Amino acid sequence: QVQLVESGGGLVQPGGSLRLSCVATGFPFRESGMSWYRQRPGEGRELIAQIGDLGMTTDYSDSVKGRFRIARNNGLNTLYLEMNSLTPEDTAVYFCKRNNYQHWGRGTQVTVSS
């Protein structure tokens, strides 16, 4: 059974940093491209970062480029999102997803507020 479990969210002050993790089980993680999405209050899900199966290719939305970094450890079946210079506009539920499949985690809440 496919499972994606996100963690690492929380409350952080503007300008702060967080690192999200997503542990994957039930599918060949090292053969799968992965993505991070977020859903701000009252909005739809937004694709913010993607990474290829080997971690050699990445892509970012303009809203996070230069502040966020997606990474993966195939030995640990884990996807990461390092988030820096956070602003209140980054407040959202963050989800990981297996590319080309409707495999989603339940999300982790990130709140940026002073």
C-alpha atoms as a PDB file:
ATOM      1  CA  GLN A   1       0.000   0.000   0.000  1.00  0.00           C
ATOM      2  CA  VAL A   2       1.354   3.376  -1.010  1.00  0.00           C
ATOM      3  CA  GLN A   3       1.944   5.755   1.876  1.00  0.00           C
ATOM      4  CA  LEU A   4       3.407   9.236   1.934  1.00  0.00           C
ATOM      5  CA  VAL A   5       3.803  10.776   5.369  1.00  0.00           C
ATOM      6  CA  GLU A   6       4.845  14.394   5.708  1.00  0.00           C
ATOM      7  CA  SER A   7       6.330  15.923   8.839  1.00  0.00           C
ATOM      8  CA  GLY A   8       8.267  18.955   9.985  1.00  0.00           C
ATOM      9  CA  GLY A   9       5.625  21.633   9.761  1.00  0.00           C
ATOM     10  CA  GLY A  10       4.886  24.089  12.523  1.00  0.00           C
ATOM     11  CA  LEU A  11       4.797  27.718  13.531  1.00  0.00           C
ATOM     12  CA  VAL A  12       7.745  29.860  12.487  1.00  0.00           C
ATOM     13  CA  GLN A  13       8.423  33.583  12.529  1.00  0.00           C
ATOM     14  CA  PRO A  14       8.825  35.569   9.300  1.00  0.00           C
ATOM     15  CA  GLY A  15      12.341  35.160   7.981  1.00  0.00           C
ATOM     16  CA  GLY A  16      12.706  31.773   9.605  1.00  0.00           C
ATOM     17  CA  SER A  17      13.358  28.345   8.172  1.00  0.00           C
ATOM     18  CA  LEU A  18      11.825  24.899   8.285  1.00  0.00           C
ATOM     19  CA  ARG A  19      12.660  21.539   6.769  1.00  0.00           C
ATOM     20  CA  LEU A  20       9.827  19.281   5.750  1.00  0.00           C
ATOM     21  CA  SER A  21      10.209  15.535   5.278  1.00  0.00           C
ATOM     22  CA  CYS A  22       8.093  12.998   3.437  1.00  0.00           C
ATOM     23  CA  VAL A  23       8.655   9.300   4.035  1.00  0.00           C
ATOM     24  CA  ALA A  24       7.475   7.070   1.216  1.00  0.00           C
ATOM     25  CA  THR A  25       6.550   3.395   1.352  1.00  0.00           C
ATOM     26  CA  GLY A  26       4.763   0.909  -0.893  1.00  0.00           C
ATOM     27  CA  PHE A  27       6.288   1.863  -4.245  1.00  0.00           C
ATOM     28  CA  PRO A  28       9.749   2.092  -5.852  1.00  0.00           C
ATOM     29  CA  PHE A  29      10.696   5.486  -4.499  1.00  0.00           C
ATOM     30  CA  ARG A  30      14.094   5.568  -6.170  1.00  0.00           C
ATOM     31  CA  GLU A  31      12.383   5.201  -9.570  1.00  0.00           C
ATOM     32  CA  SER A  32       9.820   7.926  -8.992  1.00  0.00           C
ATOM     33  CA  GLY A  33       9.862  11.629  -9.605  1.00  0.00           C
ATOM     34  CA  MET A  34       8.402  13.494  -6.657  1.00  0.00           C
ATOM     35  CA  SER A  35       6.848  16.859  -5.984  1.00  0.00           C
ATOM     36  CA  TRP A  36       5.861  19.223  -3.225  1.00  0.00           C
ATOM     37  CA  TYR A  37       2.568  21.087  -3.400  1.00  0.00           C
ATOM     38  CA  ARG A  38       0.992  23.534  -1.030  1.00  0.00           C
ATOM     39  CA  GLN A  39      -2.517  24.725  -0.399  1.00  0.00           C
ATOM     40  CA  ARG A  40      -2.990  28.151   1.070  1.00  0.00           C
ATOM     41  CA  PRO A  41      -6.202  28.918   2.962  1.00  0.00           C
ATOM     42  CA  GLY A  42      -9.076  29.295   0.522  1.00  0.00           C
ATOM     43  CA  GLU A  43      -7.002  28.337  -2.513  1.00  0.00           C
ATOM     44  CA  GLY A  44      -6.306  25.270  -4.633  1.00  0.00           C
ATOM     45  CA  ARG A  45      -3.156  23.185  -4.503  1.00  0.00           C
ATOM     46  CA  GLU A  46      -0.086  24.798  -6.015  1.00  0.00           C
ATOM     47  CA  LEU A  47       2.872  22.870  -7.414  1.00  0.00           C
ATOM     48  CA  ILE A  48       5.973  24.443  -5.899  1.00  0.00           C
ATOM     49  CA  ALA A  49       8.867  22.028  -6.442  1.00  0.00           C
ATOM     50  CA  GLN A  50       9.738  18.870  -8.377  1.00  0.00           C
ATOM     51  CA  ILE A  51      12.687  16.517  -8.359  1.00  0.00           C
ATOM     52  CA  GLY A  52      13.706  13.709 -10.680  1.00  0.00           C
ATOM     53  CA  ASP A  53      14.165  10.121  -9.551  1.00  0.00           C
ATOM     54  CA  LEU A  54      17.930  10.480  -9.083  1.00  0.00           C
ATOM     55  CA  GLY A  55      17.729  13.941  -7.622  1.00  0.00           C
ATOM     56  CA  MET A  56      19.699  15.428 -10.491  1.00  0.00           C
ATOM     57  CA  THR A  57      16.909  17.598 -11.879  1.00  0.00           C
ATOM     58  CA  THR A  58      14.808  20.045  -9.935  1.00  0.00           C
ATOM     59  CA  ASP A  59      12.265  22.711 -10.771  1.00  0.00           C
ATOM     60  CA  TYR A  60      10.576  25.392  -8.712  1.00  0.00           C
ATOM     61  CA  SER A  61       7.663  27.749  -8.971  1.00  0.00           C
ATOM     62  CA  ASP A  62       8.489  31.417  -9.133  1.00  0.00           C
ATOM     63  CA  SER A  63       6.872  31.877  -5.733  1.00  0.00           C
ATOM     64  CA  VAL A  64       9.563  29.802  -3.971  1.00  0.00           C
ATOM     65  CA  LYS A  65      12.544  29.873  -6.327  1.00  0.00           C
ATOM     66  CA  GLY A  66      15.699  30.934  -4.540  1.00  0.00           C
ATOM     67  CA  ARG A  67      14.206  30.328  -1.073  1.00  0.00           C
ATOM     68  CA  PHE A  68      13.182  26.669  -1.085  1.00  0.00           C
ATOM     69  CA  ARG A  69      15.215  23.595  -1.986  1.00  0.00           C
ATOM     70  CA  ILE A  70      13.866  20.154  -2.778  1.00  0.00           C
ATOM     71  CA  ALA A  71      16.047  17.142  -2.107  1.00  0.00           C
ATOM     72  CA  ARG A  72      15.768  13.397  -1.637  1.00  0.00           C
ATOM     73  CA  ASN A  73      17.543  10.490  -0.011  1.00  0.00           C
ATOM     74  CA  ASN A  74      16.717   7.351  -1.954  1.00  0.00           C
ATOM     75  CA  GLY A  75      18.400   5.181   0.642  1.00  0.00           C
ATOM     76  CA  LEU A  76      15.905   6.416   3.239  1.00  0.00           C
ATOM     77  CA  ASN A  77      12.921   6.691   0.879  1.00  0.00           C
ATOM     78  CA  THR A  78      12.588  10.291   2.016  1.00  0.00           C
ATOM     79  CA  LEU A  79      11.822  13.533   0.234  1.00  0.00           C
ATOM     80  CA  TYR A  80      12.744  16.895   1.749  1.00  0.00           C
ATOM     81  CA  LEU A  81      11.805  20.521   1.351  1.00  0.00           C
ATOM     82  CA  GLU A  82      14.120  23.080   2.890  1.00  0.00           C
ATOM     83  CA  MET A  83      12.322  26.387   3.272  1.00  0.00           C
ATOM     84  CA  ASN A  84      14.147  29.627   4.020  1.00  0.00           C
ATOM     85  CA  SER A  85      13.225  33.302   4.275  1.00  0.00           C
ATOM     86  CA  LEU A  86       9.675  32.339   5.058  1.00  0.00           C
ATOM     87  CA  THR A  87       6.923  34.939   4.810  1.00  0.00           C
ATOM     88  CA  PRO A  88       3.290  34.884   5.942  1.00  0.00           C
ATOM     89  CA  GLU A  89       2.374  34.151   2.308  1.00  0.00           C
ATOM     90  CA  ASP A  90       4.042  30.748   2.727  1.00  0.00           C
ATOM     91  CA  THR A  91       1.423  29.752   5.280  1.00  0.00           C
ATOM     92  CA  ALA A  92      -0.200  26.642   3.850  1.00  0.00           C
ATOM     93  CA  VAL A  93      -0.615  22.921   4.141  1.00  0.00           C
ATOM     94  CA  TYR A  94       2.292  21.270   2.361  1.00  0.00           C
ATOM     95  CA  PHE A  95       1.868  17.953   0.554  1.00  0.00           C
ATOM     96  CA  CYS A  96       4.241  15.555  -1.120  1.00  0.00           C
ATOM     97  CA  LYS A  97       3.167  13.661  -4.198  1.00  0.00           C
ATOM     98  CA  ARG A  98       4.464  10.903  -6.410  1.00  0.00           C
ATOM     99  CA  ASN A  99       4.650  12.222  -9.965  1.00  0.00           C
ATOM    100  CA  ASN A 100       2.294  10.705 -12.556  1.00  0.00           C
ATOM    101  CA  TYR A 101       0.193   9.051  -9.863  1.00  0.00           C
ATOM    102  CA  GLN A 102      -2.532  10.282  -7.576  1.00  0.00           C
ATOM    103  CA  HIS A 103      -0.482   9.383  -4.537  1.00  0.00           C
ATOM    104  CA  TRP A 104      -0.601  12.109  -1.933  1.00  0.00           C
ATOM    105  CA  GLY A 105       0.335  12.487   1.666  1.00  0.00           C
ATOM    106  CA  ARG A 106      -2.071  14.019   4.194  1.00  0.00           C
ATOM    107  CA  GLY A 107      -0.021  17.170   4.451  1.00  0.00           C
ATOM    108  CA  THR A 108       1.751  19.125   7.146  1.00  0.00           C
ATOM    109  CA  GLN A 109       0.725  22.603   8.263  1.00  0.00           C
ATOM    110  CA  VAL A 110       3.202  25.456   8.017  1.00  0.00           C
ATOM    111  CA  THR A 111       2.248  28.731   9.662  1.00  0.00           C
ATOM    112  CA  VAL A 112       4.443  31.798   9.318  1.00  0.00           C
ATOM    113  CA  SER A 113       3.505  34.445  11.818  1.00  0.00           C
ATOM    114  CA  SER A 114       5.027  36.735  14.392  1.00  0.00           C
END
